[in-house]
């Protein structure tokens, strides 16, 4: 894209417009500045709320892919890429899933998590190449993330995923974006102008974080990764998480700390299995069998 075309493109984007409420922000004191930022941030959940039908539709596609052995792949550049990597990295400890189930890819690779890699987002072919490296297939779901909705790297990835007939989802902060026109599902969180013109790590980034939280959390709930509102598949990999697993068992069963500890030990520190054993009265092998029969969904297994 030529410089002139890029300037015209930026001029049309909501996220690149100047915010009239912050025009004199450089004259204000600290409290006045943060009040303006906070007031603008309050617009973000409302923008996300308008996208709930599309987010729910995306969740349904993700769950369908998971049940067929597919993966959820996030791809983005800069802040968008970092948020995708962040959300993906938090799934294994929270839900006890394989690191390969939800994968985050950022333009420029892992080094781009800590410092900007110049030009990485401008290469559409690299978006395809990075998907090829992880053997992206029609079974997977691709979520392209870019506040502008026009990042060439992400567009290249979305076009490649479309060519494989994979489900594609776009998360952008500008309406009618190029990414939205490619994707099967467009989640357009139109948060308006940023406090600092074009600083899409602010409201746009916050909206992206909220959307990605919903995509994985709702999907994992539907996959049976919680009981009531407890994270029963949490991996007890450190002291805090071991204490959390113990507390989860106690909360779910209303048993004593001693009973929870003893059962967790017999269940190999698997909180869900320990809850199943306590509430059903079954021994480990029978509890495992019943959980497997119900695809790991504790509530359904207990109902039987």
C-alpha atoms as a PDB file:
ATOM      1  CA  UNK A   1       0.000   0.000   0.000  1.00  0.00           C
ATOM      2  CA  UNK A   2       1.385   3.415  -0.956  1.00  0.00           C
ATOM      3  CA  UNK A   3       1.880   6.120   1.655  1.00  0.00           C
ATOM      4  CA  UNK A   4      -0.974   8.143   0.138  1.00  0.00           C
ATOM      5  CA  UNK A   5      -3.341   5.156   0.242  1.00  0.00           C
ATOM      6  CA  UNK A   6      -2.333   4.407   3.814  1.00  0.00           C
ATOM      7  CA  UNK A   7      -3.020   7.983   4.862  1.00  0.00           C
ATOM      8  CA  UNK A   8      -6.461   7.804   3.264  1.00  0.00           C
ATOM      9  CA  UNK A   9      -7.134   4.487   4.997  1.00  0.00           C
ATOM     10  CA  UNK A  10      -6.126   5.849   8.406  1.00  0.00           C
ATOM     11  CA  UNK A  11      -8.253   8.936   7.892  1.00  0.00           C
ATOM     12  CA  UNK A  12     -11.350   6.746   7.591  1.00  0.00           C
ATOM     13  CA  UNK A  13     -10.758   4.712  10.766  1.00  0.00           C
ATOM     14  CA  UNK A  14     -12.667   5.512  13.939  1.00  0.00           C
ATOM     15  CA  UNK A  15      -9.646   4.547  16.056  1.00  0.00           C
ATOM     16  CA  UNK A  16      -7.489   7.110  14.230  1.00  0.00           C
ATOM     17  CA  UNK A  17      -9.800  10.089  14.753  1.00  0.00           C
ATOM     18  CA  UNK A  18      -9.064  12.749  17.362  1.00  0.00           C
ATOM     19  CA  UNK A  19     -11.085  12.624  20.573  1.00  0.00           C
ATOM     20  CA  UNK A  20     -12.643  16.044  21.219  1.00  0.00           C
ATOM     21  CA  UNK A  21     -12.870  15.303  24.956  1.00  0.00           C
ATOM     22  CA  UNK A  22      -9.100  14.991  25.315  1.00  0.00           C
ATOM     23  CA  UNK A  23      -7.859  17.776  23.021  1.00  0.00           C
ATOM     24  CA  UNK A  24      -6.383  19.723  25.959  1.00  0.00           C
ATOM     25  CA  UNK A  25      -5.188  16.729  27.976  1.00  0.00           C
ATOM     26  CA  UNK A  26      -1.608  18.047  27.925  1.00  0.00           C
ATOM     27  CA  UNK A  27      -2.720  21.013  30.052  1.00  0.00           C
ATOM     28  CA  UNK A  28      -4.220  18.918  32.853  1.00  0.00           C
ATOM     29  CA  UNK A  29      -2.902  17.589  36.145  1.00  0.00           C
ATOM     30  CA  UNK A  30      -2.599  13.892  36.979  1.00  0.00           C
ATOM     31  CA  UNK A  31      -6.067  13.499  38.515  1.00  0.00           C
ATOM     32  CA  UNK A  32      -7.756  15.291  35.626  1.00  0.00           C
ATOM     33  CA  UNK A  33      -5.910  13.108  33.096  1.00  0.00           C
ATOM     34  CA  UNK A  34      -6.855   9.814  34.727  1.00  0.00           C
ATOM     35  CA  UNK A  35     -10.473  10.969  35.067  1.00  0.00           C
ATOM     36  CA  UNK A  36     -10.647  11.444  31.292  1.00  0.00           C
ATOM     37  CA  UNK A  37      -9.062   8.046  30.676  1.00  0.00           C
ATOM     38  CA  UNK A  38     -11.455   6.392  33.111  1.00  0.00           C
ATOM     39  CA  UNK A  39     -14.469   8.080  31.555  1.00  0.00           C
ATOM     40  CA  UNK A  40     -13.431   6.837  28.113  1.00  0.00           C
ATOM     41  CA  UNK A  41     -12.743   3.324  29.440  1.00  0.00           C
ATOM     42  CA  UNK A  42     -16.352   3.104  30.623  1.00  0.00           C
ATOM     43  CA  UNK A  43     -17.420   3.042  26.973  1.00  0.00           C
ATOM     44  CA  UNK A  44     -15.602  -0.239  26.343  1.00  0.00           C
ATOM     45  CA  UNK A  45     -17.962  -2.773  28.017  1.00  0.00           C
ATOM     46  CA  UNK A  46     -20.893  -1.165  26.196  1.00  0.00           C
ATOM     47  CA  UNK A  47     -19.134  -1.615  22.858  1.00  0.00           C
ATOM     48  CA  UNK A  48     -18.458  -5.263  23.722  1.00  0.00           C
ATOM     49  CA  UNK A  49     -22.087  -5.731  24.804  1.00  0.00           C
ATOM     50  CA  UNK A  50     -23.241  -4.801  21.306  1.00  0.00           C
ATOM     51  CA  UNK A  51     -21.158  -7.701  19.963  1.00  0.00           C
ATOM     52  CA  UNK A  52     -22.458 -10.441  22.282  1.00  0.00           C
ATOM     53  CA  UNK A  53     -24.431 -12.308  19.560  1.00  0.00           C
ATOM     54  CA  UNK A  54     -21.302 -12.533  17.394  1.00  0.00           C
ATOM     55  CA  UNK A  55     -19.143 -13.533  20.373  1.00  0.00           C
ATOM     56  CA  UNK A  56     -21.604 -16.303  21.294  1.00  0.00           C
ATOM     57  CA  UNK A  57     -21.621 -17.523  17.689  1.00  0.00           C
ATOM     58  CA  UNK A  58     -17.817 -17.628  17.754  1.00  0.00           C
ATOM     59  CA  UNK A  59     -17.872 -19.613  21.016  1.00  0.00           C
ATOM     60  CA  UNK A  60     -20.172 -22.212  19.455  1.00  0.00           C
ATOM     61  CA  UNK A  61     -17.771 -22.648  16.526  1.00  0.00           C
ATOM     62  CA  UNK A  62     -14.784 -22.940  18.870  1.00  0.00           C
ATOM     63  CA  UNK A  63     -16.485 -25.586  21.012  1.00  0.00           C
ATOM     64  CA  UNK A  64     -17.459 -27.561  17.899  1.00  0.00           C
ATOM     65  CA  UNK A  65     -13.818 -27.459  16.784  1.00  0.00           C
ATOM     66  CA  UNK A  66     -12.540 -28.559  20.201  1.00  0.00           C
ATOM     67  CA  UNK A  67     -14.899 -31.540  20.168  1.00  0.00           C
ATOM     68  CA  UNK A  68     -13.473 -32.599  16.814  1.00  0.00           C
ATOM     69  CA  UNK A  69      -9.880 -32.319  18.019  1.00  0.00           C
ATOM     70  CA  UNK A  70      -9.353 -28.862  16.522  1.00  0.00           C
ATOM     71  CA  UNK A  71      -7.569 -25.902  18.050  1.00  0.00           C
ATOM     72  CA  UNK A  72      -8.225 -22.219  18.689  1.00  0.00           C
ATOM     73  CA  UNK A  73      -5.515 -20.097  17.081  1.00  0.00           C
ATOM     74  CA  UNK A  74      -5.095 -16.388  17.807  1.00  0.00           C
ATOM     75  CA  UNK A  75      -3.013 -14.277  15.436  1.00  0.00           C
ATOM     76  CA  UNK A  76      -2.132 -10.595  15.576  1.00  0.00           C
ATOM     77  CA  UNK A  77       0.627  -7.992  15.585  1.00  0.00           C
ATOM     78  CA  UNK A  78       1.785  -5.669  18.362  1.00  0.00           C
ATOM     79  CA  UNK A  79      -0.675  -5.245  21.222  1.00  0.00           C
ATOM     80  CA  UNK A  80      -3.233  -7.462  19.490  1.00  0.00           C
ATOM     81  CA  UNK A  81      -0.730 -10.288  19.107  1.00  0.00           C
ATOM     82  CA  UNK A  82       0.448  -9.957  22.704  1.00  0.00           C
ATOM     83  CA  UNK A  83      -3.111 -10.187  24.016  1.00  0.00           C
ATOM     84  CA  UNK A  84      -3.712 -13.336  21.966  1.00  0.00           C
ATOM     85  CA  UNK A  85      -0.544 -14.937  23.320  1.00  0.00           C
ATOM     86  CA  UNK A  86      -1.529 -13.896  26.863  1.00  0.00           C
ATOM     87  CA  UNK A  87      -4.995 -15.431  26.638  1.00  0.00           C
ATOM     88  CA  UNK A  88      -3.639 -18.648  25.122  1.00  0.00           C
ATOM     89  CA  UNK A  89      -0.900 -19.000  27.747  1.00  0.00           C
ATOM     90  CA  UNK A  90      -3.390 -18.769  30.605  1.00  0.00           C
ATOM     91  CA  UNK A  91      -5.557 -21.674  29.426  1.00  0.00           C
ATOM     92  CA  UNK A  92      -3.329 -24.618  30.478  1.00  0.00           C
ATOM     93  CA  UNK A  93      -2.974 -23.674  34.172  1.00  0.00           C
ATOM     94  CA  UNK A  94      -6.584 -22.478  34.463  1.00  0.00           C
ATOM     95  CA  UNK A  95      -8.318 -25.355  32.691  1.00  0.00           C
ATOM     96  CA  UNK A  96      -5.771 -28.167  32.683  1.00  0.00           C
ATOM     97  CA  UNK A  97      -5.670 -28.329  28.873  1.00  0.00           C
ATOM     98  CA  UNK A  98      -2.753 -28.977  26.545  1.00  0.00           C
ATOM     99  CA  UNK A  99      -0.734 -25.903  25.487  1.00  0.00           C
ATOM    100  CA  UNK A 100      -1.586 -26.925  21.913  1.00  0.00           C
ATOM    101  CA  UNK A 101      -5.347 -26.469  22.394  1.00  0.00           C
ATOM    102  CA  UNK A 102      -5.251 -22.651  22.361  1.00  0.00           C
ATOM    103  CA  UNK A 103      -2.275 -21.100  20.571  1.00  0.00           C
ATOM    104  CA  UNK A 104      -1.253 -17.455  20.255  1.00  0.00           C
ATOM    105  CA  UNK A 105       0.863 -16.261  17.316  1.00  0.00           C
ATOM    106  CA  UNK A 106       2.391 -12.782  17.139  1.00  0.00           C
ATOM    107  CA  UNK A 107       3.971 -11.159  14.088  1.00  0.00           C
ATOM    108  CA  UNK A 108       7.735 -11.221  14.529  1.00  0.00           C
ATOM    109  CA  UNK A 109       7.733 -14.233  16.839  1.00  0.00           C
ATOM    110  CA  UNK A 110       8.361 -14.469  20.575  1.00  0.00           C
ATOM    111  CA  UNK A 111      10.873 -11.595  20.594  1.00  0.00           C
ATOM    112  CA  UNK A 112       8.003  -9.307  19.538  1.00  0.00           C
ATOM    113  CA  UNK A 113       6.372  -9.899  22.933  1.00  0.00           C
ATOM    114  CA  UNK A 114       8.975  -7.654  24.553  1.00  0.00           C
ATOM    115  CA  UNK A 115       9.974  -5.235  21.828  1.00  0.00           C
ATOM    116  CA  UNK A 116       8.488  -4.087  18.522  1.00  0.00           C
ATOM    117  CA  UNK A 117       9.708  -5.848  15.390  1.00  0.00           C
ATOM    118  CA  UNK A 118       9.641  -3.247  12.639  1.00  0.00           C
ATOM    119  CA  UNK A 119       7.677  -4.195   9.536  1.00  0.00           C
ATOM    120  CA  UNK A 120       6.516  -7.573  10.859  1.00  0.00           C
ATOM    121  CA  UNK A 121       2.855  -6.644  10.540  1.00  0.00           C
ATOM    122  CA  UNK A 122       3.191  -5.525   6.903  1.00  0.00           C
ATOM    123  CA  UNK A 123       3.852  -8.979   5.433  1.00  0.00           C
ATOM    124  CA  UNK A 124       0.689 -10.954   4.525  1.00  0.00           C
ATOM    125  CA  UNK A 125       2.719 -13.949   3.325  1.00  0.00           C
ATOM    126  CA  UNK A 126       4.290 -14.268   6.780  1.00  0.00           C
ATOM    127  CA  UNK A 127       0.821 -14.638   8.293  1.00  0.00           C
ATOM    128  CA  UNK A 128       0.257 -17.678   6.089  1.00  0.00           C
ATOM    129  CA  UNK A 129       3.757 -19.008   6.750  1.00  0.00           C
ATOM    130  CA  UNK A 130       3.293 -18.806  10.520  1.00  0.00           C
ATOM    131  CA  UNK A 131       0.069 -20.824  10.232  1.00  0.00           C
ATOM    132  CA  UNK A 132       1.789 -23.390   8.051  1.00  0.00           C
ATOM    133  CA  UNK A 133       4.504 -23.771  10.702  1.00  0.00           C
ATOM    134  CA  UNK A 134       1.926 -24.973  13.230  1.00  0.00           C
ATOM    135  CA  UNK A 135       0.171 -27.130  10.603  1.00  0.00           C
ATOM    136  CA  UNK A 136      -3.037 -25.135  10.709  1.00  0.00           C
ATOM    137  CA  UNK A 137      -5.889 -27.162   9.224  1.00  0.00           C
ATOM    138  CA  UNK A 138      -9.601 -27.027   8.409  1.00  0.00           C
ATOM    139  CA  UNK A 139     -10.332 -28.479  11.870  1.00  0.00           C
ATOM    140  CA  UNK A 140      -8.931 -25.384  13.585  1.00  0.00           C
ATOM    141  CA  UNK A 141     -10.515 -21.979  14.248  1.00  0.00           C
ATOM    142  CA  UNK A 142      -8.553 -18.823  13.473  1.00  0.00           C
ATOM    143  CA  UNK A 143      -9.177 -15.578  15.357  1.00  0.00           C
ATOM    144  CA  UNK A 144      -7.490 -12.623  13.687  1.00  0.00           C
ATOM    145  CA  UNK A 145      -7.022  -9.648  16.032  1.00  0.00           C
ATOM    146  CA  UNK A 146      -6.296  -6.077  14.916  1.00  0.00           C
ATOM    147  CA  UNK A 147      -7.785  -2.821  16.150  1.00  0.00           C
ATOM    148  CA  UNK A 148      -7.529  -1.323  12.659  1.00  0.00           C
ATOM    149  CA  UNK A 149      -9.053  -4.359  10.968  1.00  0.00           C
ATOM    150  CA  UNK A 150      -6.555  -3.962   8.125  1.00  0.00           C
ATOM    151  CA  UNK A 151      -3.218  -5.414   9.337  1.00  0.00           C
ATOM    152  CA  UNK A 152      -1.686  -7.181   6.286  1.00  0.00           C
ATOM    153  CA  UNK A 153      -0.092  -9.945   8.399  1.00  0.00           C
ATOM    154  CA  UNK A 154      -3.474 -10.866   9.896  1.00  0.00           C
ATOM    155  CA  UNK A 155      -5.273 -10.560   6.554  1.00  0.00           C
ATOM    156  CA  UNK A 156      -2.775 -12.966   4.994  1.00  0.00           C
ATOM    157  CA  UNK A 157      -3.476 -15.468   7.769  1.00  0.00           C
ATOM    158  CA  UNK A 158      -7.259 -15.089   7.450  1.00  0.00           C
ATOM    159  CA  UNK A 159      -7.142 -15.577   3.677  1.00  0.00           C
ATOM    160  CA  UNK A 160      -5.050 -18.719   4.095  1.00  0.00           C
ATOM    161  CA  UNK A 161      -7.433 -20.131   6.718  1.00  0.00           C
ATOM    162  CA  UNK A 162     -10.372 -19.372   4.415  1.00  0.00           C
ATOM    163  CA  UNK A 163      -8.657 -21.254   1.582  1.00  0.00           C
ATOM    164  CA  UNK A 164      -8.620 -24.335   3.834  1.00  0.00           C
ATOM    165  CA  UNK A 165     -12.339 -23.880   4.704  1.00  0.00           C
ATOM    166  CA  UNK A 166     -11.489 -23.323   8.366  1.00  0.00           C
ATOM    167  CA  UNK A 167     -13.714 -21.150  10.561  1.00  0.00           C
ATOM    168  CA  UNK A 168     -12.402 -17.577  10.640  1.00  0.00           C
ATOM    169  CA  UNK A 169     -13.204 -14.856  13.184  1.00  0.00           C
ATOM    170  CA  UNK A 170     -12.131 -11.203  13.082  1.00  0.00           C
ATOM    171  CA  UNK A 171     -11.801  -9.014  16.191  1.00  0.00           C
ATOM    172  CA  UNK A 172     -11.477  -5.345  15.218  1.00  0.00           C
ATOM    173  CA  UNK A 173     -12.387  -1.902  16.524  1.00  0.00           C
ATOM    174  CA  UNK A 174     -13.388  -0.314  13.226  1.00  0.00           C
ATOM    175  CA  UNK A 175     -16.679  -1.095  11.474  1.00  0.00           C
ATOM    176  CA  UNK A 176     -16.746  -2.648   8.005  1.00  0.00           C
ATOM    177  CA  UNK A 177     -13.034  -3.486   8.058  1.00  0.00           C
ATOM    178  CA  UNK A 178     -11.132  -5.557   5.499  1.00  0.00           C
ATOM    179  CA  UNK A 179     -10.762  -8.331   8.087  1.00  0.00           C
ATOM    180  CA  UNK A 180     -14.496  -8.353   8.771  1.00  0.00           C
ATOM    181  CA  UNK A 181     -15.195  -8.826   5.059  1.00  0.00           C
ATOM    182  CA  UNK A 182     -12.968 -11.912   4.971  1.00  0.00           C
ATOM    183  CA  UNK A 183     -14.001 -13.597   8.230  1.00  0.00           C
ATOM    184  CA  UNK A 184     -17.012 -15.846   8.782  1.00  0.00           C
ATOM    185  CA  UNK A 185     -17.767 -13.994  12.033  1.00  0.00           C
ATOM    186  CA  UNK A 186     -16.906 -10.330  12.606  1.00  0.00           C
ATOM    187  CA  UNK A 187     -16.652  -9.050  16.186  1.00  0.00           C
ATOM    188  CA  UNK A 188     -16.413  -5.282  15.780  1.00  0.00           C
ATOM    189  CA  UNK A 189     -16.006  -3.543  19.129  1.00  0.00           C
ATOM    190  CA  UNK A 190     -16.379   0.078  18.057  1.00  0.00           C
ATOM    191  CA  UNK A 191     -15.009   1.865  21.130  1.00  0.00           C
ATOM    192  CA  UNK A 192     -14.592   5.256  19.465  1.00  0.00           C
ATOM    193  CA  UNK A 193     -11.615   7.575  19.418  1.00  0.00           C
ATOM    194  CA  UNK A 194      -8.735   6.908  21.782  1.00  0.00           C
ATOM    195  CA  UNK A 195      -7.691   9.416  24.464  1.00  0.00           C
ATOM    196  CA  UNK A 196      -4.350   9.643  22.664  1.00  0.00           C
ATOM    197  CA  UNK A 197      -5.065   9.601  18.928  1.00  0.00           C
ATOM    198  CA  UNK A 198      -4.350   6.199  17.399  1.00  0.00           C
ATOM    199  CA  UNK A 199      -3.117   4.627  20.664  1.00  0.00           C
ATOM    200  CA  UNK A 200      -5.095   1.434  20.162  1.00  0.00           C
ATOM    201  CA  UNK A 201      -3.426  -0.302  23.106  1.00  0.00           C
ATOM    202  CA  UNK A 202      -5.913   1.646  25.226  1.00  0.00           C
ATOM    203  CA  UNK A 203      -9.685   1.262  24.658  1.00  0.00           C
ATOM    204  CA  UNK A 204      -9.266  -1.044  21.667  1.00  0.00           C
ATOM    205  CA  UNK A 205      -6.823  -3.241  23.573  1.00  0.00           C
ATOM    206  CA  UNK A 206      -9.143  -3.387  26.580  1.00  0.00           C
ATOM    207  CA  UNK A 207     -12.022  -4.435  24.335  1.00  0.00           C
ATOM    208  CA  UNK A 208      -9.867  -7.151  22.775  1.00  0.00           C
ATOM    209  CA  UNK A 209      -8.933  -8.479  26.225  1.00  0.00           C
ATOM    210  CA  UNK A 210     -12.608  -8.646  27.219  1.00  0.00           C
ATOM    211  CA  UNK A 211     -13.560 -10.469  24.009  1.00  0.00           C
ATOM    212  CA  UNK A 212     -10.733 -13.008  24.236  1.00  0.00           C
ATOM    213  CA  UNK A 213     -11.611 -13.666  27.895  1.00  0.00           C
ATOM    214  CA  UNK A 214     -15.169 -14.439  26.792  1.00  0.00           C
ATOM    215  CA  UNK A 215     -14.119 -16.685  23.901  1.00  0.00           C
ATOM    216  CA  UNK A 216     -11.962 -18.987  26.006  1.00  0.00           C
ATOM    217  CA  UNK A 217     -13.930 -18.828  29.259  1.00  0.00           C
ATOM    218  CA  UNK A 218     -17.301 -19.576  27.653  1.00  0.00           C
ATOM    219  CA  UNK A 219     -15.779 -22.284  25.468  1.00  0.00           C
ATOM    220  CA  UNK A 220     -14.090 -23.984  28.417  1.00  0.00           C
ATOM    221  CA  UNK A 221     -17.290 -23.849  30.465  1.00  0.00           C
ATOM    222  CA  UNK A 222     -19.162 -25.569  27.639  1.00  0.00           C
ATOM    223  CA  UNK A 223     -16.353 -28.143  27.451  1.00  0.00           C
ATOM    224  CA  UNK A 224     -17.003 -29.092  31.077  1.00  0.00           C
ATOM    225  CA  UNK A 225     -14.027 -27.305  32.604  1.00  0.00           C
ATOM    226  CA  UNK A 226     -16.039 -25.915  35.502  1.00  0.00           C
ATOM    227  CA  UNK A 227     -18.565 -27.131  38.080  1.00  0.00           C
ATOM    228  CA  UNK A 228     -21.021 -24.465  39.230  1.00  0.00           C
ATOM    229  CA  UNK A 229     -18.644 -21.511  38.922  1.00  0.00           C
ATOM    230  CA  UNK A 230     -15.537 -23.310  40.165  1.00  0.00           C
ATOM    231  CA  UNK A 231     -12.417 -23.982  38.064  1.00  0.00           C
ATOM    232  CA  UNK A 232     -12.377 -27.703  38.760  1.00  0.00           C
ATOM    233  CA  UNK A 233      -9.716 -28.500  36.141  1.00  0.00           C
ATOM    234  CA  UNK A 234      -7.175 -26.039  37.551  1.00  0.00           C
ATOM    235  CA  UNK A 235      -3.624 -27.448  37.487  1.00  0.00           C
ATOM    236  CA  UNK A 236      -2.182 -27.496  41.006  1.00  0.00           C
ATOM    237  CA  UNK A 237       1.317 -26.627  39.793  1.00  0.00           C
ATOM    238  CA  UNK A 238       2.408 -24.249  42.583  1.00  0.00           C
ATOM    239  CA  UNK A 239       1.573 -23.524  46.216  1.00  0.00           C
ATOM    240  CA  UNK A 240      -1.148 -21.010  45.431  1.00  0.00           C
ATOM    241  CA  UNK A 241      -2.849 -23.309  42.926  1.00  0.00           C
ATOM    242  CA  UNK A 242      -2.562 -26.302  45.262  1.00  0.00           C
ATOM    243  CA  UNK A 243      -4.317 -24.260  47.931  1.00  0.00           C
ATOM    244  CA  UNK A 244      -6.918 -23.174  45.378  1.00  0.00           C
ATOM    245  CA  UNK A 245      -7.554 -26.785  44.333  1.00  0.00           C
ATOM    246  CA  UNK A 246      -8.040 -27.746  47.978  1.00  0.00           C
ATOM    247  CA  UNK A 247     -10.442 -24.851  48.510  1.00  0.00           C
ATOM    248  CA  UNK A 248     -12.367 -25.720  45.331  1.00  0.00           C
ATOM    249  CA  UNK A 249     -12.938 -29.267  46.554  1.00  0.00           C
ATOM    250  CA  UNK A 250     -14.109 -27.972  49.926  1.00  0.00           C
ATOM    251  CA  UNK A 251     -16.425 -25.405  48.323  1.00  0.00           C
ATOM    252  CA  UNK A 252     -17.951 -27.871  45.879  1.00  0.00           C
ATOM    253  CA  UNK A 253     -18.574 -30.630  48.420  1.00  0.00           C
ATOM    254  CA  UNK A 254     -18.792 -28.747  51.748  1.00  0.00           C
ATOM    255  CA  UNK A 255     -16.391 -31.329  53.158  1.00  0.00           C
ATOM    256  CA  UNK A 256     -13.666 -30.793  55.752  1.00  0.00           C
ATOM    257  CA  UNK A 257     -10.127 -29.763  54.863  1.00  0.00           C
ATOM    258  CA  UNK A 258      -8.896 -33.172  55.965  1.00  0.00           C
ATOM    259  CA  UNK A 259     -11.343 -35.023  53.702  1.00  0.00           C
ATOM    260  CA  UNK A 260     -10.465 -32.754  50.776  1.00  0.00           C
ATOM    261  CA  UNK A 261      -6.731 -33.301  51.271  1.00  0.00           C
ATOM    262  CA  UNK A 262      -7.064 -37.076  51.571  1.00  0.00           C
ATOM    263  CA  UNK A 263      -9.311 -37.346  48.521  1.00  0.00           C
ATOM    264  CA  UNK A 264      -7.121 -35.054  46.426  1.00  0.00           C
ATOM    265  CA  UNK A 265      -4.162 -37.278  47.269  1.00  0.00           C
ATOM    266  CA  UNK A 266      -6.094 -40.377  46.125  1.00  0.00           C
ATOM    267  CA  UNK A 267      -7.196 -38.486  42.999  1.00  0.00           C
ATOM    268  CA  UNK A 268      -3.621 -37.487  42.042  1.00  0.00           C
ATOM    269  CA  UNK A 269      -4.383 -33.822  42.857  1.00  0.00           C
ATOM    270  CA  UNK A 270      -7.193 -33.748  40.282  1.00  0.00           C
ATOM    271  CA  UNK A 271      -9.815 -31.451  41.852  1.00  0.00           C
ATOM    272  CA  UNK A 272     -12.620 -32.508  39.511  1.00  0.00           C
ATOM    273  CA  UNK A 273     -12.003 -36.189  40.194  1.00  0.00           C
ATOM    274  CA  UNK A 274     -11.813 -35.581  43.942  1.00  0.00           C
ATOM    275  CA  UNK A 275     -15.170 -33.773  43.864  1.00  0.00           C
ATOM    276  CA  UNK A 276     -16.677 -36.602  41.840  1.00  0.00           C
ATOM    277  CA  UNK A 277     -15.413 -39.190  44.332  1.00  0.00           C
ATOM    278  CA  UNK A 278     -16.716 -37.290  47.366  1.00  0.00           C
ATOM    279  CA  UNK A 279     -20.153 -36.407  45.977  1.00  0.00           C
ATOM    280  CA  UNK A 280     -20.787 -39.771  44.288  1.00  0.00           C
ATOM    281  CA  UNK A 281     -19.162 -42.043  46.849  1.00  0.00           C
ATOM    282  CA  UNK A 282     -17.350 -43.828  44.007  1.00  0.00           C
ATOM    283  CA  UNK A 283     -13.777 -44.990  44.122  1.00  0.00           C
ATOM    284  CA  UNK A 284     -11.232 -43.473  41.755  1.00  0.00           C
ATOM    285  CA  UNK A 285     -11.514 -45.929  38.833  1.00  0.00           C
ATOM    286  CA  UNK A 286     -15.315 -45.859  38.741  1.00  0.00           C
ATOM    287  CA  UNK A 287     -15.371 -42.055  39.081  1.00  0.00           C
ATOM    288  CA  UNK A 288     -12.921 -41.695  36.183  1.00  0.00           C
ATOM    289  CA  UNK A 289     -15.039 -43.994  34.038  1.00  0.00           C
ATOM    290  CA  UNK A 290     -18.235 -42.060  34.727  1.00  0.00           C
ATOM    291  CA  UNK A 291     -16.576 -38.707  34.047  1.00  0.00           C
ATOM    292  CA  UNK A 292     -15.169 -39.989  30.764  1.00  0.00           C
ATOM    293  CA  UNK A 293     -18.611 -41.221  29.747  1.00  0.00           C
ATOM    294  CA  UNK A 294     -19.887 -37.654  30.157  1.00  0.00           C
ATOM    295  CA  UNK A 295     -16.936 -35.966  28.364  1.00  0.00           C
ATOM    296  CA  UNK A 296     -15.554 -34.658  31.648  1.00  0.00           C
ATOM    297  CA  UNK A 297     -18.720 -32.746  32.543  1.00  0.00           C
ATOM    298  CA  UNK A 298     -19.014 -33.089  36.289  1.00  0.00           C
ATOM    299  CA  UNK A 299     -22.594 -31.904  36.689  1.00  0.00           C
ATOM    300  CA  UNK A 300     -23.921 -34.389  34.102  1.00  0.00           C
ATOM    301  CA  UNK A 301     -21.878 -37.244  35.576  1.00  0.00           C
ATOM    302  CA  UNK A 302     -23.226 -36.499  39.066  1.00  0.00           C
ATOM    303  CA  UNK A 303     -26.786 -36.311  37.741  1.00  0.00           C
ATOM    304  CA  UNK A 304     -26.472 -39.873  36.497  1.00  0.00           C
END
